[in-house]
């Protein structure tokens, strides 16, 4: 019994024939008013909260709820089976599923638990960060469709304006202000991307300089747009040199970072006293290094699931950071945490957020690094750490978006989604708390 067909009008004789056929086929008859899928959206962006519930179902018979998302990179799907109580209503926020790719009640689980095709990182960004998404929700009882609805989710990219920033942009700005000119090795190369929030900011706000480790769901493509969506300007820099070079062929230089920071500080809507540096994925230690090394220019820092020491890019000593062409001293990544010099995080003048997941398979020692960093930070670290129990390392991806979760066991996937909600709540509070008078 299709919910869409149920809105059509039939002559009474035809209706009787259809009713008889339905009865013979075992179709579920919904309660008065018919079955409905109710979706409450708190904003329509891809990562905004959603509450899904069902009403008017036939009590005592299970309902299969499915979600199918259509994206430029293919379809993502999820399904969950719920028992229908005597009220005929299923509240996914409070009711335990019988079978599902998650283990606890969750109002938006059907969306973030979707799995899809194996695609490139670029296609993943296009699907879930740059393009709108149409999601069809369908409810079936005894194999017959009883309700359906569509949910339109606008792209993360729709909440900000993007501008490419080149080496030439930084050089022109530095020349005009008398600052040091950044390295001119390929002035046409793209240094990064500026994301300016919509609507245009009226008063200066803290800004984020994001060093992008391009680590799947934790990449700058998602994190930067999320930060811009909550109202703060963001400039992304790749962790390894200007874009256009082979990954790993050139470490990020202190001079490029400083030129980018100075350029960002002079943008309209940016409070130059409140620059926060954020490192995604393997770039997390670089963010902490700059926050410690330049406390007069960097106000605060965010680091998720990364070491709290400046480690070399390899055991052979390959640098991850250059200063005037010379390698910045780094520690052997093969050494134990106890034998590695932890960055003196107490030097950071403003807020710091260190986060980790206890089930991080890529960096099993992530929470040990956070503990070492908190010790180096001192008493202020008490409210600046997020240790997400049972979460994988992809906890800094925006919530509700089904990226980085599909290959995880249901319990870890749900713990990771919970950690994402908590992480972004902390990031929002950090940036809002940094707004100056």
Protein backbone atom coordinates (compact mmCIF):
# COMPACT_ATOMS: atom_id res chain seq x y z
CA UNK A 1 0.00 0.00 0.00
CA UNK A 2 1.92 3.02 -1.24
CA UNK A 3 1.61 6.19 0.84
CA UNK A 4 1.74 8.33 -2.29
CA UNK A 5 -0.96 6.27 -4.05
CA UNK A 6 -3.10 6.55 -0.92
CA UNK A 7 -3.71 10.23 -1.69
CA UNK A 8 -5.45 9.42 -5.01
CA UNK A 9 -9.27 9.24 -5.13
CA UNK A 10 -10.99 6.10 -6.49
CA UNK A 11 -14.67 5.37 -7.20
CA UNK A 12 -16.19 3.36 -4.37
CA UNK A 13 -16.49 0.14 -6.44
CA UNK A 14 -12.85 0.31 -7.47
CA UNK A 15 -11.88 1.02 -3.90
CA UNK A 16 -13.68 -2.13 -2.77
CA UNK A 17 -11.83 -4.24 -5.31
CA UNK A 18 -8.51 -2.76 -4.23
CA UNK A 19 -9.33 -3.36 -0.56
CA UNK A 20 -10.13 -7.02 -1.28
CA UNK A 21 -6.89 -7.48 -3.18
CA UNK A 22 -4.96 -5.86 -0.39
CA UNK A 23 -6.53 -8.15 2.18
CA UNK A 24 -5.64 -11.24 0.17
CA UNK A 25 -2.06 -10.10 -0.30
CA UNK A 26 -1.56 -9.53 3.43
CA UNK A 27 -1.22 -5.75 3.16
CA UNK A 28 -1.15 -3.84 6.43
CA UNK A 29 -4.03 -1.49 7.02
CA UNK A 30 -2.84 1.64 8.81
CA UNK A 31 -4.84 3.15 11.64
CA UNK A 32 -7.21 6.03 11.03
CA UNK A 33 -5.53 8.80 9.09
CA UNK A 34 -2.94 6.44 7.56
CA UNK A 35 0.70 5.85 8.35
CA UNK A 36 3.01 8.88 8.27
CA UNK A 37 6.71 9.50 8.57
CA UNK A 38 7.28 12.68 10.54
CA UNK A 39 10.58 14.50 10.10
CA UNK A 40 11.50 17.46 12.29
CA UNK A 41 14.49 19.37 10.92
CA UNK A 42 16.38 21.99 12.88
CA UNK A 43 17.72 23.72 9.79
CA UNK A 44 18.00 21.95 6.44
CA UNK A 45 21.78 21.70 6.03
CA UNK A 46 23.38 18.29 5.60
CA UNK A 47 24.73 18.30 9.15
CA UNK A 48 21.77 19.84 10.97
CA UNK A 49 19.89 17.77 13.61
CA UNK A 50 16.95 15.64 12.50
CA UNK A 51 14.26 13.78 14.44
CA UNK A 52 12.46 10.94 12.65
CA UNK A 53 9.27 9.32 13.94
CA UNK A 54 6.31 7.34 12.57
CA UNK A 55 2.61 7.45 13.37
CA UNK A 56 -0.53 5.62 12.26
CA UNK A 57 1.14 2.22 11.95
CA UNK A 58 -0.62 -1.13 12.49
CA UNK A 59 0.16 -2.08 16.13
CA UNK A 60 1.82 -5.38 16.86
CA UNK A 61 3.51 -5.69 13.47
CA UNK A 62 7.12 -4.69 12.85
CA UNK A 63 7.93 -1.78 10.57
CA UNK A 64 10.97 -1.62 8.31
CA UNK A 65 12.21 1.94 7.94
CA UNK A 66 14.66 2.66 5.11
CA UNK A 67 16.59 5.73 4.01
CA UNK A 68 18.03 6.24 0.53
CA UNK A 69 20.16 9.28 -0.26
CA UNK A 70 20.75 10.34 -3.84
CA UNK A 71 24.08 12.14 -4.36
CA UNK A 72 26.29 12.96 -7.36
CA UNK A 73 28.52 10.05 -6.33
CA UNK A 74 25.80 7.43 -6.07
CA UNK A 75 23.26 6.20 -3.53
CA UNK A 76 23.67 5.70 0.19
CA UNK A 77 21.23 3.44 2.06
CA UNK A 78 20.30 2.39 5.59
CA UNK A 79 17.51 0.30 7.08
CA UNK A 80 16.22 -0.46 10.55
CA UNK A 81 13.48 -2.72 11.91
CA UNK A 82 11.28 -1.52 14.79
CA UNK A 83 8.49 -3.16 16.76
CA UNK A 84 5.24 -1.17 16.62
CA UNK A 85 3.70 -0.60 20.07
CA UNK A 86 -0.08 -0.43 20.77
CA UNK A 87 -0.04 3.32 20.07
CA UNK A 88 0.91 2.67 16.43
CA UNK A 89 3.75 5.19 16.80
CA UNK A 90 7.51 4.66 16.64
CA UNK A 91 9.79 7.29 18.17
CA UNK A 92 13.32 6.62 16.96
CA UNK A 93 14.71 8.99 19.60
CA UNK A 94 13.57 6.73 22.43
CA UNK A 95 12.80 3.31 20.95
CA UNK A 96 15.34 0.54 20.62
CA UNK A 97 15.55 -0.95 17.09
CA UNK A 98 15.21 -4.70 16.63
CA UNK A 99 17.92 -4.76 13.97
CA UNK A 100 19.85 -1.76 12.66
CA UNK A 101 23.40 -0.56 11.93
CA UNK A 102 23.26 1.15 15.35
CA UNK A 103 22.55 -0.25 18.80
CA UNK A 104 20.75 2.47 20.78
CA UNK A 105 17.80 4.81 20.19
CA UNK A 106 18.85 7.75 18.06
CA UNK A 107 16.60 10.28 16.32
CA UNK A 108 18.88 10.73 13.29
CA UNK A 109 20.59 7.35 13.17
CA UNK A 110 18.94 6.32 9.91
CA UNK A 111 20.75 9.21 8.20
CA UNK A 112 24.26 8.98 9.62
CA UNK A 113 24.30 5.15 9.41
CA UNK A 114 23.79 5.05 5.64
CA UNK A 115 26.48 3.24 3.66
CA UNK A 116 27.31 3.80 0.01
CA UNK A 117 29.68 3.03 -2.83
CA UNK A 118 33.43 3.07 -2.48
CA UNK A 119 34.43 6.43 -3.94
CA UNK A 120 37.48 8.65 -4.08
CA UNK A 121 38.10 11.34 -1.49
CA UNK A 122 37.19 13.97 -4.08
CA UNK A 123 33.86 12.26 -4.85
CA UNK A 124 33.14 11.92 -1.14
CA UNK A 125 33.58 15.67 -0.72
CA UNK A 126 31.37 16.41 -3.71
CA UNK A 127 28.66 14.10 -2.42
CA UNK A 128 28.48 15.21 1.21
CA UNK A 129 30.13 18.63 1.45
CA UNK A 130 29.56 20.37 -1.87
CA UNK A 131 26.23 19.13 -3.21
CA UNK A 132 22.64 19.04 -1.92
CA UNK A 133 21.26 15.66 -0.92
CA UNK A 134 17.77 14.24 -1.38
CA UNK A 135 16.86 11.50 1.08
CA UNK A 136 13.80 9.28 0.65
CA UNK A 137 12.39 7.64 3.77
CA UNK A 138 10.10 4.64 3.37
CA UNK A 139 8.16 2.56 5.90
CA UNK A 140 6.99 -1.01 5.17
CA UNK A 141 4.86 -3.39 7.19
CA UNK A 142 4.61 -7.02 6.11
CA UNK A 143 6.55 -6.13 2.97
CA UNK A 144 4.09 -3.46 1.83
CA UNK A 145 4.96 0.23 1.66
CA UNK A 146 2.70 2.17 4.02
CA UNK A 147 4.38 5.59 4.09
CA UNK A 148 7.06 7.56 2.36
CA UNK A 149 8.48 11.06 2.44
CA UNK A 150 11.45 13.01 1.11
CA UNK A 151 13.94 15.10 3.02
CA UNK A 152 15.94 17.77 1.23
CA UNK A 153 19.32 18.60 2.78
CA UNK A 154 21.21 21.63 1.49
CA UNK A 155 24.96 21.41 0.95
CA UNK A 156 27.45 22.45 3.61
CA UNK A 157 28.95 24.61 0.87
CA UNK A 158 25.71 26.60 0.61
CA UNK A 159 26.39 28.26 3.96
CA UNK A 160 29.61 30.02 2.98
CA UNK A 161 31.40 31.71 0.09
CA UNK A 162 34.65 30.12 -1.09
CA UNK A 163 37.64 31.93 -2.51
CA UNK A 164 40.86 30.36 -3.71
CA UNK A 165 44.00 31.92 -2.24
CA UNK A 166 47.28 31.73 -4.16
CA UNK A 167 50.91 32.42 -3.35
CA UNK A 168 50.54 35.58 -5.46
CA UNK A 169 47.65 36.77 -3.23
CA UNK A 170 49.81 36.46 -0.13
CA UNK A 171 52.75 38.13 -1.86
CA UNK A 172 50.68 41.13 -3.00
CA UNK A 173 49.21 41.57 0.46
CA UNK A 174 52.62 41.31 2.13
CA UNK A 175 54.18 43.81 -0.28
CA UNK A 176 51.38 46.33 0.31
CA UNK A 177 51.75 46.14 4.08
CA UNK A 178 55.53 45.86 4.26
CA UNK A 179 55.44 42.37 5.77
CA UNK A 180 57.80 39.58 4.84
CA UNK A 181 56.99 38.16 1.41
CA UNK A 182 56.22 34.43 1.47
CA UNK A 183 58.30 32.00 -0.63
CA UNK A 184 57.64 32.63 -4.32
CA UNK A 185 58.12 29.07 -5.56
CA UNK A 186 55.24 28.98 -7.99
CA UNK A 187 53.15 32.11 -7.37
CA UNK A 188 50.23 30.66 -9.31
CA UNK A 189 49.93 27.68 -6.98
CA UNK A 190 46.88 27.61 -4.74
CA UNK A 191 47.89 28.02 -1.13
CA UNK A 192 44.45 27.19 0.20
CA UNK A 193 40.82 28.26 0.37
CA UNK A 194 39.04 30.99 2.31
CA UNK A 195 35.52 30.19 3.53
CA UNK A 196 33.49 33.26 4.49
CA UNK A 197 30.21 32.70 6.38
CA UNK A 198 26.82 33.67 5.00
CA UNK A 199 25.28 36.11 5.70
CA UNK A 200 28.26 38.48 5.58
CA UNK A 201 29.66 39.28 9.00
CA UNK A 202 28.96 42.78 10.32
CA UNK A 203 31.27 42.71 13.34
CA UNK A 204 34.77 41.14 13.51
CA UNK A 205 34.82 37.58 14.80
CA UNK A 206 37.49 35.00 15.62
CA UNK A 207 38.85 33.22 12.55
CA UNK A 208 40.31 29.77 12.06
CA UNK A 209 43.49 28.88 10.20
CA UNK A 210 42.96 25.22 9.39
CA UNK A 211 45.95 23.03 8.46
CA UNK A 212 44.41 20.24 6.43
CA UNK A 213 45.72 16.72 6.77
CA UNK A 214 43.07 15.65 4.19
CA UNK A 215 42.17 12.61 6.25
CA UNK A 216 38.88 11.27 4.86
CA UNK A 217 35.89 12.51 6.85
CA UNK A 218 38.11 14.65 9.08
CA UNK A 219 39.43 16.61 6.12
CA UNK A 220 39.23 20.36 5.73
CA UNK A 221 36.53 20.00 3.09
CA UNK A 222 34.13 19.04 5.88
CA UNK A 223 35.62 20.77 8.93
CA UNK A 224 36.14 24.17 7.27
CA UNK A 225 32.63 24.31 5.90
CA UNK A 226 31.22 23.28 9.26
CA UNK A 227 33.13 26.09 11.01
CA UNK A 228 31.97 28.62 8.41
CA UNK A 229 28.39 27.36 8.81
CA UNK A 230 28.44 28.24 12.52
CA UNK A 231 29.58 31.75 11.63
CA UNK A 232 33.39 31.96 11.63
CA UNK A 233 35.80 32.67 8.72
CA UNK A 234 38.21 29.85 7.85
CA UNK A 235 41.36 29.69 5.75
CA UNK A 236 42.58 26.19 4.92
CA UNK A 237 46.20 25.30 4.19
CA UNK A 238 47.30 21.85 3.01
CA UNK A 239 49.68 20.18 5.43
CA UNK A 240 52.23 19.63 2.68
CA UNK A 241 53.13 22.74 0.71
CA UNK A 242 50.96 24.64 -1.79
CA UNK A 243 48.35 22.63 -3.65
CA UNK A 244 49.55 21.44 -7.02
CA UNK A 245 52.64 19.74 -5.65
CA UNK A 246 52.85 16.02 -5.13
CA UNK A 247 51.63 15.06 -1.63
CA UNK A 248 54.61 14.77 0.69
CA UNK A 249 57.00 16.37 -1.80
CA UNK A 250 57.31 19.54 0.29
CA UNK A 251 56.60 20.20 3.94
CA UNK A 252 54.57 23.20 5.01
CA UNK A 253 56.84 26.18 5.66
CA UNK A 254 56.67 28.51 8.65
CA UNK A 255 56.90 31.44 6.24
CA UNK A 256 53.86 30.32 4.22
CA UNK A 257 51.87 29.79 7.42
CA UNK A 258 52.84 33.22 8.76
CA UNK A 259 51.98 34.95 5.49
CA UNK A 260 48.62 33.14 5.41
CA UNK A 261 47.92 34.08 9.04
CA UNK A 262 48.73 37.74 8.39
CA UNK A 263 46.59 37.71 5.24
CA UNK A 264 43.67 36.15 7.12
CA UNK A 265 43.99 38.64 9.99
CA UNK A 266 43.44 41.52 7.56
CA UNK A 267 40.26 40.14 6.00
CA UNK A 268 36.98 41.97 6.62
CA UNK A 269 35.03 40.37 9.45
CA UNK A 270 38.13 38.90 11.13
CA UNK A 271 39.30 39.84 14.62
CA UNK A 272 43.12 39.78 14.23
CA UNK A 273 43.55 39.21 17.97
CA UNK A 274 41.58 35.97 17.88
CA UNK A 275 43.14 33.62 15.34
CA UNK A 276 42.59 29.94 16.24
CA UNK A 277 44.63 27.24 14.52
CA UNK A 278 43.09 23.82 13.88
CA UNK A 279 44.83 20.74 12.49
CA UNK A 280 42.85 17.94 10.88
CA UNK A 281 44.03 14.32 10.87
CA UNK A 282 47.82 13.99 10.70
CA UNK A 283 48.17 17.79 10.71
CA UNK A 284 46.97 18.05 14.32
CA UNK A 285 50.51 18.33 15.77
CA UNK A 286 51.34 21.15 13.32
CA UNK A 287 48.47 23.23 14.68
CA UNK A 288 49.71 22.76 18.22
CA UNK A 289 53.30 23.60 17.20
CA UNK A 290 52.26 26.94 15.70
CA UNK A 291 50.05 27.78 18.68
CA UNK A 292 52.99 27.15 21.02
CA UNK A 293 55.64 28.82 18.84
CA UNK A 294 53.62 31.96 18.07
CA UNK A 295 51.53 32.81 21.16
CA UNK A 296 51.55 36.49 20.24
CA UNK A 297 49.83 35.79 16.92
CA UNK A 298 47.82 32.62 17.63
CA UNK A 299 45.13 32.83 20.27
CA UNK A 300 43.89 29.24 20.59
CA UNK A 301 44.05 25.78 19.06
CA UNK A 302 42.00 22.67 18.24
CA UNK A 303 43.52 19.21 17.81
CA UNK A 304 41.58 15.97 17.39
CA UNK A 305 43.02 12.45 17.50
CA UNK A 306 46.61 13.49 16.91
CA UNK A 307 49.93 13.45 18.79
CA UNK A 308 50.70 16.33 21.13
CA UNK A 309 54.35 16.39 20.05
CA UNK A 310 55.99 17.56 16.84
CA UNK A 311 56.81 14.25 15.15
CA UNK A 312 58.82 13.68 12.02
CA UNK A 313 56.96 12.59 8.90
CA UNK A 314 58.79 9.25 8.98
CA UNK A 315 61.17 7.23 11.12
CA UNK A 316 63.99 8.34 8.80
CA UNK A 317 63.59 11.90 10.09
CA UNK A 318 61.75 13.47 7.14
CA UNK A 319 60.45 16.85 8.38
CA UNK A 320 56.81 17.85 8.45
CA UNK A 321 57.69 21.53 8.80
CA UNK A 322 60.36 23.81 7.28
CA UNK A 323 61.66 27.14 8.54
CA UNK A 324 63.56 29.17 5.92
CA UNK A 325 64.17 25.91 4.09
CA UNK A 326 65.60 24.17 7.15
CA UNK A 327 63.80 21.29 8.89
CA UNK A 328 62.09 22.17 12.15
CA UNK A 329 63.34 19.76 14.86
CA UNK A 330 60.99 16.82 15.21
CA UNK A 331 60.81 13.63 17.24
CA UNK A 332 61.11 10.06 16.00
CA UNK A 333 57.54 8.75 15.60
CA UNK A 334 58.74 5.30 16.67
CA UNK A 335 59.65 6.51 20.15
CA UNK A 336 57.34 5.98 23.10
CA UNK A 337 55.26 8.88 24.39
CA UNK A 338 57.24 8.90 27.63
CA UNK A 339 60.49 9.38 25.66
CA UNK A 340 59.08 12.12 23.38
CA UNK A 341 59.17 15.83 24.23
CA UNK A 342 55.56 17.00 24.54
CA UNK A 343 54.80 20.48 23.22
CA UNK A 344 54.54 23.07 26.04
CA UNK A 345 50.83 23.69 25.56
CA UNK A 346 50.71 25.98 28.59
CA UNK A 347 52.10 28.72 26.34
CA UNK A 348 48.87 28.96 24.35
CA UNK A 349 47.21 32.14 25.66
CA UNK A 350 43.60 31.33 24.76
CA UNK A 351 41.42 28.21 24.65
CA UNK A 352 42.59 24.76 23.60
CA UNK A 353 40.58 21.68 22.65
CA UNK A 354 42.23 18.26 22.62
CA UNK A 355 40.03 15.34 21.57
CA UNK A 356 40.46 11.63 21.00
CA UNK A 357 38.51 8.39 20.65
CA UNK A 358 39.39 5.37 22.76
CA UNK A 359 38.73 3.02 19.81
CA UNK A 360 40.97 4.88 17.34
CA UNK A 361 42.52 2.12 15.19
CA UNK A 362 44.69 4.47 13.10
CA UNK A 363 46.32 5.91 16.23
CA UNK A 364 45.61 3.57 19.17
CA UNK A 365 47.69 5.84 21.43
CA UNK A 366 45.57 8.93 20.62
CA UNK A 367 44.14 9.28 24.13
CA UNK A 368 47.56 8.70 25.69
CA UNK A 369 48.81 11.64 23.62
CA UNK A 370 45.87 13.73 24.83
CA UNK A 371 46.67 12.84 28.45
CA UNK A 372 50.31 13.85 27.91
CA UNK A 373 49.20 17.11 26.29
CA UNK A 374 46.79 17.83 29.14
CA UNK A 375 49.62 17.34 31.65
CA UNK A 376 51.77 19.79 29.68
CA UNK A 377 48.89 22.27 29.55
CA UNK A 378 48.45 22.24 33.31
CA UNK A 379 45.33 23.10 35.34
CA UNK A 380 43.57 24.77 32.40
CA UNK A 381 43.35 21.40 30.62
CA UNK A 382 40.55 20.27 32.94
CA UNK A 383 37.81 21.58 30.66
CA UNK A 384 39.75 21.40 27.41
CA UNK A 385 39.89 17.68 26.71
CA UNK A 386 37.31 15.38 25.15
CA UNK A 387 38.00 11.68 25.60
CA UNK A 388 35.25 9.92 23.67
CA UNK A 389 34.71 6.43 25.05
CA UNK A 390 34.31 3.82 22.32
CA UNK A 391 34.75 6.32 19.47
CA UNK A 392 36.93 5.79 16.44
CA UNK A 393 39.38 8.46 15.30
CA UNK A 394 36.99 10.12 12.83
CA UNK A 395 35.28 12.03 15.63
CA UNK A 396 35.95 15.48 14.13
CA UNK A 397 33.78 14.94 11.05
CA UNK A 398 30.48 16.88 11.12
CA UNK A 399 27.55 14.98 12.67
CA UNK A 400 24.63 13.39 10.79
CA UNK A 401 26.77 12.93 7.64
CA UNK A 402 27.43 9.23 6.78
CA UNK A 403 31.17 9.49 6.14
CA UNK A 404 33.85 7.48 7.91
CA UNK A 405 31.33 5.25 9.68
CA UNK A 406 30.25 2.60 7.18
CA UNK A 407 33.07 0.14 7.92
CA UNK A 408 32.80 0.40 11.71
CA UNK A 409 30.92 -2.05 13.96
CA UNK A 410 27.51 -0.61 14.95
CA UNK A 411 28.49 0.13 18.54
CA UNK A 412 31.68 1.98 17.56
CA UNK A 413 29.90 3.81 14.73
CA UNK A 414 27.24 5.12 17.13
CA UNK A 415 29.83 6.08 19.75
CA UNK A 416 31.72 7.97 17.02
CA UNK A 417 28.58 9.82 15.95
CA UNK A 418 27.92 10.76 19.59
CA UNK A 419 31.52 11.99 19.82
CA UNK A 420 31.04 14.14 16.70
CA UNK A 421 28.06 15.87 18.27
CA UNK A 422 30.05 16.51 21.46
CA UNK A 423 33.15 17.64 19.56
CA UNK A 424 31.34 20.22 17.45
CA UNK A 425 29.48 21.48 20.49
CA UNK A 426 32.90 22.09 22.09
CA UNK A 427 34.30 23.77 18.96
CA UNK A 428 31.28 26.06 18.75
CA UNK A 429 31.61 26.98 22.43
CA UNK A 430 35.36 27.61 22.02
CA UNK A 431 34.88 30.00 19.10
CA UNK A 432 31.87 31.77 20.56
CA UNK A 433 33.76 32.18 23.83
CA UNK A 434 36.64 33.78 21.91
CA UNK A 435 34.46 36.61 20.58
CA UNK A 436 36.05 39.76 21.99
CA UNK A 437 34.41 42.99 23.15
